[in-house]
Amino acid sequence: MKYTVGQIARFIRIQKGIKQSFVSDKLGFKSPSSYSEIEKGVRHLSADKIPILADALDVSIEELFFEDKIRKMRNDNDVIA
Protein backbone atom coordinates (compact mmCIF):
# COMPACT_ATOMS: atom_id res chain seq x y z
CA MET A 1 0.00 0.00 0.00
CA LYS A 2 1.25 3.46 -0.89
CA TYR A 3 0.89 6.12 1.77
CA THR A 4 0.54 9.83 1.16
CA VAL A 5 2.94 12.32 2.66
CA GLY A 6 0.05 13.43 4.84
CA GLN A 7 -0.55 9.92 6.20
CA ILE A 8 3.14 9.45 6.91
CA ALA A 9 3.32 12.87 8.57
CA ARG A 10 0.29 11.99 10.72
CA PHE A 11 1.91 8.75 11.85
CA ILE A 12 5.16 10.51 12.74
CA ARG A 13 3.33 13.37 14.45
CA ILE A 14 1.30 11.03 16.63
CA GLN A 15 4.33 8.88 17.46
CA LYS A 16 6.21 11.98 18.62
CA GLY A 17 3.26 13.50 20.49
CA ILE A 18 3.21 16.63 18.34
CA LYS A 19 -0.06 18.55 18.09
CA GLN A 20 -1.62 19.46 14.75
CA SER A 21 -1.75 23.09 15.86
CA PHE A 22 2.05 23.15 16.25
CA VAL A 23 2.64 21.78 12.75
CA SER A 24 -0.03 24.07 11.33
CA ASP A 25 1.64 27.12 12.88
CA LYS A 26 5.05 26.10 11.54
CA LEU A 27 3.59 25.73 8.05
CA GLY A 28 1.99 29.17 8.30
CA PHE A 29 -1.62 27.98 8.13
CA LYS A 30 -4.35 30.03 9.78
CA SER A 31 -5.94 26.99 11.43
CA PRO A 32 -5.10 23.38 12.31
CA SER A 33 -7.95 22.22 10.09
CA SER A 34 -5.92 23.21 7.02
CA TYR A 35 -3.14 20.88 8.11
CA SER A 36 -5.67 18.20 9.04
CA GLU A 37 -6.85 18.22 5.42
CA ILE A 38 -3.29 17.43 4.33
CA GLU A 39 -3.09 14.47 6.70
CA LYS A 40 -6.45 13.23 5.37
CA GLY A 41 -5.37 13.64 1.74
CA VAL A 42 -8.06 16.21 0.99
CA ARG A 43 -5.48 18.93 0.38
CA HIS A 44 -1.96 18.66 -1.03
CA LEU A 45 1.13 20.22 0.46
CA SER A 46 3.12 22.47 -1.85
CA ALA A 47 6.73 21.48 -2.50
CA ASP A 48 8.12 24.54 -0.73
CA LYS A 49 6.42 23.44 2.51
CA ILE A 50 8.01 19.95 2.58
CA PRO A 51 11.25 21.07 4.32
CA ILE A 52 9.19 23.03 6.86
CA LEU A 53 7.03 19.99 7.58
CA ALA A 54 10.10 17.79 7.99
CA ASP A 55 11.61 20.33 10.38
CA ALA A 56 8.38 20.62 12.39
CA LEU A 57 8.29 16.82 12.77
CA ASP A 58 12.05 16.64 13.40
CA VAL A 59 12.63 14.14 10.58
CA SER A 60 14.49 14.16 7.29
CA ILE A 61 12.65 14.88 4.07
CA GLU A 62 13.42 11.32 2.99
CA GLU A 63 11.48 9.94 5.96
CA LEU A 64 8.36 11.66 4.64
CA PHE A 65 8.65 9.88 1.29
CA PHE A 66 10.15 6.45 1.83
CA GLU A 67 7.40 4.27 3.20
CA ASP A 68 9.59 1.22 3.87
CA LYS A 69 10.65 2.88 7.12
CA ILE A 70 7.02 3.66 7.88
CA ARG A 71 5.91 0.11 7.08
CA LYS A 72 8.44 -1.17 9.61
CA MET A 73 7.19 1.28 12.25
CA ARG A 74 3.57 0.41 11.42
CA ASN A 75 4.10 -3.11 12.69
CA ASP A 76 4.54 -1.59 16.13
CA ASN A 77 1.52 0.69 16.04
CA ASP A 78 -1.38 0.83 13.58
CA VAL A 79 -2.22 4.55 13.51
CA ILE A 80 -1.99 5.25 9.78
CA ALA A 81 -5.55 5.41 8.50
PDB file of N, CA and C in Angstrom:
ATOM      1  N   MET A   1       0.838  -1.192   0.000  1.00  0.00           N
ATOM      2  CA  MET A   1       0.000   0.000   0.000  1.00  0.00           C
ATOM      3  C   MET A   1       0.875   1.243   0.000  1.00  0.00           C
ATOM      4  N   LYS A   2       0.541   2.190  -0.845  1.00  0.00           N
ATOM      5  CA  LYS A   2       1.252   3.461  -0.894  1.00  0.00           C
ATOM      6  C   LYS A   2       0.586   4.434   0.074  1.00  0.00           C
ATOM      7  N   TYR A   3       1.394   5.123   0.834  1.00  0.00           N
ATOM      8  CA  TYR A   3       0.890   6.119   1.773  1.00  0.00           C
ATOM      9  C   TYR A   3       1.175   7.508   1.230  1.00  0.00           C
ATOM     10  N   THR A   4       0.303   8.447   1.538  1.00  0.00           N
ATOM     11  CA  THR A   4       0.542   9.831   1.157  1.00  0.00           C
ATOM     12  C   THR A   4       1.503  10.462   2.151  1.00  0.00           C
ATOM     13  N   VAL A   5       2.082  11.571   1.740  1.00  0.00           N
ATOM     14  CA  VAL A   5       2.945  12.317   2.656  1.00  0.00           C
ATOM     15  C   VAL A   5       2.150  12.710   3.899  1.00  0.00           C
ATOM     16  N   GLY A   6       0.890  13.064   3.712  1.00  0.00           N
ATOM     17  CA  GLY A   6       0.048  13.434   4.842  1.00  0.00           C
ATOM     18  C   GLY A   6      -0.155  12.299   5.827  1.00  0.00           C
ATOM     19  N   GLN A   7      -0.373  11.081   5.314  1.00  0.00           N
ATOM     20  CA  GLN A   7      -0.554   9.925   6.197  1.00  0.00           C
ATOM     21  C   GLN A   7       0.731   9.617   6.956  1.00  0.00           C
ATOM     22  N   ILE A   8       1.850   9.700   6.258  1.00  0.00           N
ATOM     23  CA  ILE A   8       3.138   9.445   6.911  1.00  0.00           C
ATOM     24  C   ILE A   8       3.403  10.520   7.966  1.00  0.00           C
ATOM     25  N   ALA A   9       3.121  11.776   7.618  1.00  0.00           N
ATOM     26  CA  ALA A   9       3.316  12.871   8.573  1.00  0.00           C
ATOM     27  C   ALA A   9       2.435  12.675   9.802  1.00  0.00           C
ATOM     28  N   ARG A  10       1.210  12.232   9.589  1.00  0.00           N
ATOM     29  CA  ARG A  10       0.294  11.988  10.716  1.00  0.00           C
ATOM     30  C   ARG A  10       0.857  10.917  11.643  1.00  0.00           C
ATOM     31  N   PHE A  11       1.331   9.832  11.058  1.00  0.00           N
ATOM     32  CA  PHE A  11       1.906   8.749  11.852  1.00  0.00           C
ATOM     33  C   PHE A  11       3.084   9.257  12.685  1.00  0.00           C
ATOM     34  N   ILE A  12       3.985   9.982  12.034  1.00  0.00           N
ATOM     35  CA  ILE A  12       5.159  10.509  12.738  1.00  0.00           C
ATOM     36  C   ILE A  12       4.727  11.490  13.829  1.00  0.00           C
ATOM     37  N   ARG A  13       3.795  12.367  13.485  1.00  0.00           N
ATOM     38  CA  ARG A  13       3.332  13.374  14.450  1.00  0.00           C
ATOM     39  C   ARG A  13       2.749  12.721  15.694  1.00  0.00           C
ATOM     40  N   ILE A  14       1.916  11.721  15.495  1.00  0.00           N
ATOM     41  CA  ILE A  14       1.298  11.028  16.630  1.00  0.00           C
ATOM     42  C   ILE A  14       2.356  10.283  17.440  1.00  0.00           C
ATOM     43  N   GLN A  15       3.266   9.609  16.762  1.00  0.00           N
ATOM     44  CA  GLN A  15       4.329   8.882  17.458  1.00  0.00           C
ATOM     45  C   GLN A  15       5.165   9.805  18.340  1.00  0.00           C
ATOM     46  N   LYS A  16       5.367  11.026  17.879  1.00  0.00           N
ATOM     47  CA  LYS A  16       6.209  11.977  18.620  1.00  0.00           C
ATOM     48  C   LYS A  16       5.406  12.851  19.578  1.00  0.00           C
ATOM     49  N   GLY A  17       4.084  12.705  19.583  1.00  0.00           N
ATOM     50  CA  GLY A  17       3.257  13.496  20.488  1.00  0.00           C
ATOM     51  C   GLY A  17       3.168  14.965  20.114  1.00  0.00           C
ATOM     52  N   ILE A  18       3.264  15.246  18.827  1.00  0.00           N
ATOM     53  CA  ILE A  18       3.209  16.630  18.344  1.00  0.00           C
ATOM     54  C   ILE A  18       1.761  16.969  17.977  1.00  0.00           C
ATOM     55  N   LYS A  19       1.307  18.123  18.378  1.00  0.00           N
ATOM     56  CA  LYS A  19      -0.065  18.551  18.091  1.00  0.00           C
ATOM     57  C   LYS A  19      -0.187  19.112  16.675  1.00  0.00           C
ATOM     58  N   GLN A  20      -1.360  18.914  16.086  1.00  0.00           N
ATOM     59  CA  GLN A  20      -1.623  19.462  14.754  1.00  0.00           C
ATOM     60  C   GLN A  20      -1.452  20.977  14.741  1.00  0.00           C
ATOM     61  N   SER A  21      -1.845  21.628  15.807  1.00  0.00           N
ATOM     62  CA  SER A  21      -1.747  23.089  15.856  1.00  0.00           C
ATOM     63  C   SER A  21      -0.297  23.554  15.755  1.00  0.00           C
ATOM     64  N   PHE A  22       0.637  22.803  16.332  1.00  0.00           N
ATOM     65  CA  PHE A  22       2.054  23.148  16.255  1.00  0.00           C
ATOM     66  C   PHE A  22       2.539  23.074  14.813  1.00  0.00           C
ATOM     67  N   VAL A  23       2.220  21.965  14.138  1.00  0.00           N
ATOM     68  CA  VAL A  23       2.645  21.782  12.745  1.00  0.00           C
ATOM     69  C   VAL A  23       1.976  22.838  11.861  1.00  0.00           C
ATOM     70  N   SER A  24       0.719  23.075  12.094  1.00  0.00           N
ATOM     71  CA  SER A  24      -0.028  24.068  11.327  1.00  0.00           C
ATOM     72  C   SER A  24       0.610  25.454  11.442  1.00  0.00           C
ATOM     73  N   ASP A  25       0.971  25.832  12.661  1.00  0.00           N
ATOM     74  CA  ASP A  25       1.639  27.124  12.885  1.00  0.00           C
ATOM     75  C   ASP A  25       2.964  27.196  12.138  1.00  0.00           C
ATOM     76  N   LYS A  26       3.752  26.136  12.214  1.00  0.00           N
ATOM     77  CA  LYS A  26       5.054  26.096  11.539  1.00  0.00           C
ATOM     78  C   LYS A  26       4.904  26.255  10.028  1.00  0.00           C
ATOM     79  N   LEU A  27       3.827  25.652   9.490  1.00  0.00           N
ATOM     80  CA  LEU A  27       3.588  25.727   8.048  1.00  0.00           C
ATOM     81  C   LEU A  27       2.961  27.054   7.624  1.00  0.00           C
ATOM     82  N   GLY A  28       2.568  27.868   8.604  1.00  0.00           N
ATOM     83  CA  GLY A  28       1.995  29.170   8.302  1.00  0.00           C
ATOM     84  C   GLY A  28       0.513  29.143   7.977  1.00  0.00           C
ATOM     85  N   PHE A  29      -0.184  28.069   8.360  1.00  0.00           N
ATOM     86  CA  PHE A  29      -1.621  27.982   8.127  1.00  0.00           C
ATOM     87  C   PHE A  29      -2.363  28.762   9.193  1.00  0.00           C
ATOM     88  N   LYS A  30      -3.544  29.245   8.835  1.00  0.00           N
ATOM     89  CA  LYS A  30      -4.347  30.029   9.779  1.00  0.00           C
ATOM     90  C   LYS A  30      -5.041  29.151  10.815  1.00  0.00           C
ATOM     91  N   SER A  31      -5.266  27.877  10.467  1.00  0.00           N
ATOM     92  CA  SER A  31      -5.938  26.991  11.425  1.00  0.00           C
ATOM     93  C   SER A  31      -5.428  25.564  11.282  1.00  0.00           C
ATOM     94  N   PRO A  32      -5.513  24.787  12.369  1.00  0.00           N
ATOM     95  CA  PRO A  32      -5.098  23.385  12.313  1.00  0.00           C
ATOM     96  C   PRO A  32      -5.913  22.558  11.322  1.00  0.00           C
ATOM     97  N   SER A  33      -7.126  22.994  11.019  1.00  0.00           N
ATOM     98  CA  SER A  33      -7.954  22.222  10.089  1.00  0.00           C
ATOM     99  C   SER A  33      -7.342  22.184   8.687  1.00  0.00           C
ATOM    100  N   SER A  34      -6.602  23.213   8.319  1.00  0.00           N
ATOM    101  CA  SER A  34      -5.921  23.208   7.021  1.00  0.00           C
ATOM    102  C   SER A  34      -4.870  22.104   6.981  1.00  0.00           C
ATOM    103  N   TYR A  35      -4.136  21.959   8.063  1.00  0.00           N
ATOM    104  CA  TYR A  35      -3.140  20.884   8.115  1.00  0.00           C
ATOM    105  C   TYR A  35      -3.820  19.523   8.215  1.00  0.00           C
ATOM    106  N   SER A  36      -4.913  19.445   8.923  1.00  0.00           N
ATOM    107  CA  SER A  36      -5.667  18.197   9.041  1.00  0.00           C
ATOM    108  C   SER A  36      -6.085  17.692   7.663  1.00  0.00           C
ATOM    109  N   GLU A  37      -6.458  18.593   6.782  1.00  0.00           N
ATOM    110  CA  GLU A  37      -6.849  18.219   5.424  1.00  0.00           C
ATOM    111  C   GLU A  37      -5.682  17.598   4.660  1.00  0.00           C
ATOM    112  N   ILE A  38      -4.471  18.023   4.955  1.00  0.00           N
ATOM    113  CA  ILE A  38      -3.287  17.427   4.329  1.00  0.00           C
ATOM    114  C   ILE A  38      -3.109  16.009   4.838  1.00  0.00           C
ATOM    115  N   GLU A  39      -3.227  15.817   6.136  1.00  0.00           N
ATOM    116  CA  GLU A  39      -3.092  14.471   6.701  1.00  0.00           C
ATOM    117  C   GLU A  39      -4.157  13.528   6.148  1.00  0.00           C
ATOM    118  N   LYS A  40      -5.348  14.049   5.886  1.00  0.00           N
ATOM    119  CA  LYS A  40      -6.452  13.229   5.371  1.00  0.00           C
ATOM    120  C   LYS A  40      -6.370  13.022   3.861  1.00  0.00           C
ATOM    121  N   GLY A  41      -5.489  13.761   3.188  1.00  0.00           N
ATOM    122  CA  GLY A  41      -5.365  13.635   1.743  1.00  0.00           C
ATOM    123  C   GLY A  41      -6.354  14.470   0.960  1.00  0.00           C
ATOM    124  N   VAL A  42      -7.082  15.334   1.644  1.00  0.00           N
ATOM    125  CA  VAL A  42      -8.058  16.208   0.993  1.00  0.00           C
ATOM    126  C   VAL A  42      -7.350  17.363   0.295  1.00  0.00           C
ATOM    127  N   ARG A  43      -6.258  17.791   0.875  1.00  0.00           N
ATOM    128  CA  ARG A  43      -5.483  18.927   0.379  1.00  0.00           C
ATOM    129  C   ARG A  43      -4.037  18.461   0.203  1.00  0.00           C
ATOM    130  N   HIS A  44      -3.365  19.016  -0.787  1.00  0.00           N
ATOM    131  CA  HIS A  44      -1.963  18.661  -1.031  1.00  0.00           C
ATOM    132  C   HIS A  44      -1.044  19.735  -0.461  1.00  0.00           C
ATOM    133  N   LEU A  45       0.127  19.310  -0.077  1.00  0.00           N
ATOM    134  CA  LEU A  45       1.129  20.224   0.461  1.00  0.00           C
ATOM    135  C   LEU A  45       2.028  20.678  -0.678  1.00  0.00           C
ATOM    136  N   SER A  46       2.253  21.962  -0.784  1.00  0.00           N
ATOM    137  CA  SER A  46       3.120  22.473  -1.846  1.00  0.00           C
ATOM    138  C   SER A  46       4.571  22.089  -1.553  1.00  0.00           C
ATOM    139  N   ALA A  47       5.343  21.945  -2.610  1.00  0.00           N
ATOM    140  CA  ALA A  47       6.731  21.478  -2.500  1.00  0.00           C
ATOM    141  C   ALA A  47       7.573  22.356  -1.581  1.00  0.00           C
ATOM    142  N   ASP A  48       7.318  23.653  -1.572  1.00  0.00           N
ATOM    143  CA  ASP A  48       8.119  24.541  -0.732  1.00  0.00           C
ATOM    144  C   ASP A  48       7.848  24.358   0.760  1.00  0.00           C
ATOM    145  N   LYS A  49       6.753  23.678   1.099  1.00  0.00           N
ATOM    146  CA  LYS A  49       6.418  23.436   2.506  1.00  0.00           C
ATOM    147  C   LYS A  49       7.006  22.124   3.039  1.00  0.00           C
ATOM    148  N   ILE A  50       7.484  21.257   2.144  1.00  0.00           N
ATOM    149  CA  ILE A  50       8.011  19.950   2.575  1.00  0.00           C
ATOM    150  C   ILE A  50       9.160  20.092   3.579  1.00  0.00           C
ATOM    151  N   PRO A  51      10.173  20.938   3.320  1.00  0.00           N
ATOM    152  CA  PRO A  51      11.248  21.070   4.318  1.00  0.00           C
ATOM    153  C   PRO A  51      10.754  21.607   5.657  1.00  0.00           C
ATOM    154  N   ILE A  52       9.744  22.469   5.620  1.00  0.00           N
ATOM    155  CA  ILE A  52       9.192  23.031   6.857  1.00  0.00           C
ATOM    156  C   ILE A  52       8.472  21.947   7.642  1.00  0.00           C
ATOM    157  N   LEU A  53       7.708  21.102   6.924  1.00  0.00           N
ATOM    158  CA  LEU A  53       7.026  19.987   7.576  1.00  0.00           C
ATOM    159  C   LEU A  53       8.031  19.036   8.205  1.00  0.00           C
ATOM    160  N   ALA A  54       9.075  18.692   7.459  1.00  0.00           N
ATOM    161  CA  ALA A  54      10.101  17.794   7.986  1.00  0.00           C
ATOM    162  C   ALA A  54      10.734  18.385   9.248  1.00  0.00           C
ATOM    163  N   ASP A  55      11.023  19.665   9.216  1.00  0.00           N
ATOM    164  CA  ASP A  55      11.611  20.334  10.380  1.00  0.00           C
ATOM    165  C   ASP A  55      10.650  20.324  11.570  1.00  0.00           C
ATOM    166  N   ALA A  56       9.377  20.601  11.321  1.00  0.00           N
ATOM    167  CA  ALA A  56       8.380  20.618  12.393  1.00  0.00           C
ATOM    168  C   ALA A  56       8.245  19.248  13.048  1.00  0.00           C
ATOM    169  N   LEU A  57       8.410  18.188  12.241  1.00  0.00           N
ATOM    170  CA  LEU A  57       8.291  16.819  12.769  1.00  0.00           C
ATOM    171  C   LEU A  57       9.636  16.258  13.223  1.00  0.00           C
ATOM    172  N   ASP A  58      10.698  17.047  13.030  1.00  0.00           N
ATOM    173  CA  ASP A  58      12.051  16.642  13.398  1.00  0.00           C
ATOM    174  C   ASP A  58      12.456  15.330  12.718  1.00  0.00           C
ATOM    175  N   VAL A  59      12.225  15.287  11.398  1.00  0.00           N
ATOM    176  CA  VAL A  59      12.629  14.142  10.581  1.00  0.00           C
ATOM    177  C   VAL A  59      13.281  14.661   9.307  1.00  0.00           C
ATOM    178  N   SER A  60      13.933  13.775   8.581  1.00  0.00           N
ATOM    179  CA  SER A  60      14.493  14.158   7.290  1.00  0.00           C
ATOM    180  C   SER A  60      13.381  14.159   6.241  1.00  0.00           C
ATOM    181  N   ILE A  61      13.620  14.867   5.168  1.00  0.00           N
ATOM    182  CA  ILE A  61      12.653  14.879   4.072  1.00  0.00           C
ATOM    183  C   ILE A  61      12.445  13.466   3.542  1.00  0.00           C
ATOM    184  N   GLU A  62      13.499  12.692   3.489  1.00  0.00           N
ATOM    185  CA  GLU A  62      13.416  11.319   2.994  1.00  0.00           C
ATOM    186  C   GLU A  62      12.431  10.485   3.807  1.00  0.00           C
ATOM    187  N   GLU A  63      12.386  10.707   5.107  1.00  0.00           N
ATOM    188  CA  GLU A  63      11.476   9.937   5.957  1.00  0.00           C
ATOM    189  C   GLU A  63      10.010  10.217   5.637  1.00  0.00           C
ATOM    190  N   LEU A  64       9.732  11.348   5.022  1.00  0.00           N
ATOM    191  CA  LEU A  64       8.360  11.665   4.635  1.00  0.00           C
ATOM    192  C   LEU A  64       7.957  10.965   3.335  1.00  0.00           C
ATOM    193  N   PHE A  65       8.937  10.453   2.595  1.00  0.00           N
ATOM    194  CA  PHE A  65       8.651   9.881   1.287  1.00  0.00           C
ATOM    195  C   PHE A  65       8.933   8.390   1.160  1.00  0.00           C
ATOM    196  N   PHE A  66       9.788   7.851   1.983  1.00  0.00           N
ATOM    197  CA  PHE A  66      10.147   6.445   1.831  1.00  0.00           C
ATOM    198  C   PHE A  66       9.383   5.601   2.831  1.00  0.00           C
ATOM    199  N   GLU A  67       8.339   4.976   2.342  1.00  0.00           N
ATOM    200  CA  GLU A  67       7.404   4.268   3.203  1.00  0.00           C
ATOM    201  C   GLU A  67       7.937   2.961   3.765  1.00  0.00           C
ATOM    202  N   ASP A  68       9.072   2.459   3.282  1.00  0.00           N
ATOM    203  CA  ASP A  68       9.589   1.218   3.868  1.00  0.00           C
ATOM    204  C   ASP A  68       9.908   1.412   5.344  1.00  0.00           C
ATOM    205  N   LYS A  69      10.396   2.582   5.704  1.00  0.00           N
ATOM    206  CA  LYS A  69      10.650   2.879   7.118  1.00  0.00           C
ATOM    207  C   LYS A  69       9.331   2.944   7.882  1.00  0.00           C
ATOM    208  N   ILE A  70       8.327   3.528   7.248  1.00  0.00           N
ATOM    209  CA  ILE A  70       7.023   3.657   7.882  1.00  0.00           C
ATOM    210  C   ILE A  70       6.378   2.280   8.026  1.00  0.00           C
ATOM    211  N   ARG A  71       6.502   1.446   7.011  1.00  0.00           N
ATOM    212  CA  ARG A  71       5.913   0.113   7.076  1.00  0.00           C
ATOM    213  C   ARG A  71       6.506  -0.663   8.263  1.00  0.00           C
ATOM    214  N   LYS A  72       7.797  -0.512   8.482  1.00  0.00           N
ATOM    215  CA  LYS A  72       8.445  -1.173   9.612  1.00  0.00           C
ATOM    216  C   LYS A  72       7.896  -0.639  10.929  1.00  0.00           C
ATOM    217  N   MET A  73       7.725   0.679  11.023  1.00  0.00           N
ATOM    218  CA  MET A  73       7.193   1.276  12.248  1.00  0.00           C
ATOM    219  C   MET A  73       5.730   0.884  12.443  1.00  0.00           C
ATOM    220  N   ARG A  74       5.008   0.716  11.344  1.00  0.00           N
ATOM    221  CA  ARG A  74       3.571   0.412  11.423  1.00  0.00           C
ATOM    222  C   ARG A  74       3.336  -0.915  12.124  1.00  0.00           C
ATOM    223  N   ASN A  75       4.252  -1.827  12.010  1.00  0.00           N
ATOM    224  CA  ASN A  75       4.101  -3.115  12.690  1.00  0.00           C
ATOM    225  C   ASN A  75       4.002  -2.934  14.187  1.00  0.00           C
ATOM    226  N   ASP A  76       4.574  -1.864  14.700  1.00  0.00           N
ATOM    227  CA  ASP A  76       4.542  -1.589  16.134  1.00  0.00           C
ATOM    228  C   ASP A  76       3.273  -0.881  16.571  1.00  0.00           C
ATOM    229  N   ASN A  77       2.681  -0.112  15.649  1.00  0.00           N
ATOM    230  CA  ASN A  77       1.520   0.694  16.035  1.00  0.00           C
ATOM    231  C   ASN A  77       0.713   1.024  14.788  1.00  0.00           C
ATOM    232  N   ASP A  78      -0.543   0.678  14.760  1.00  0.00           N
ATOM    233  CA  ASP A  78      -1.383   0.829  13.583  1.00  0.00           C
ATOM    234  C   ASP A  78      -2.185   2.131  13.643  1.00  0.00           C
ATOM    235  N   VAL A  79      -1.509   3.282  13.435  1.00  0.00           N
ATOM    236  CA  VAL A  79      -2.218   4.550  13.508  1.00  0.00           C
ATOM    237  C   VAL A  79      -2.392   5.223  12.156  1.00  0.00           C
ATOM    238  N   ILE A  80      -1.787   4.672  11.098  1.00  0.00           N
ATOM    239  CA  ILE A  80      -1.992   5.252   9.782  1.00  0.00           C
ATOM    240  C   ILE A  80      -3.347   4.793   9.273  1.00  0.00           C
ATOM    241  N   ALA A  81      -4.198   5.750   8.960  1.00  0.00           N
ATOM    242  CA  ALA A  81      -5.554   5.409   8.495  1.00  0.00           C
ATOM    243  C   ALA A  81      -5.622   5.382   6.994  1.00  0.00           C
TER     244      ALA A  81
END
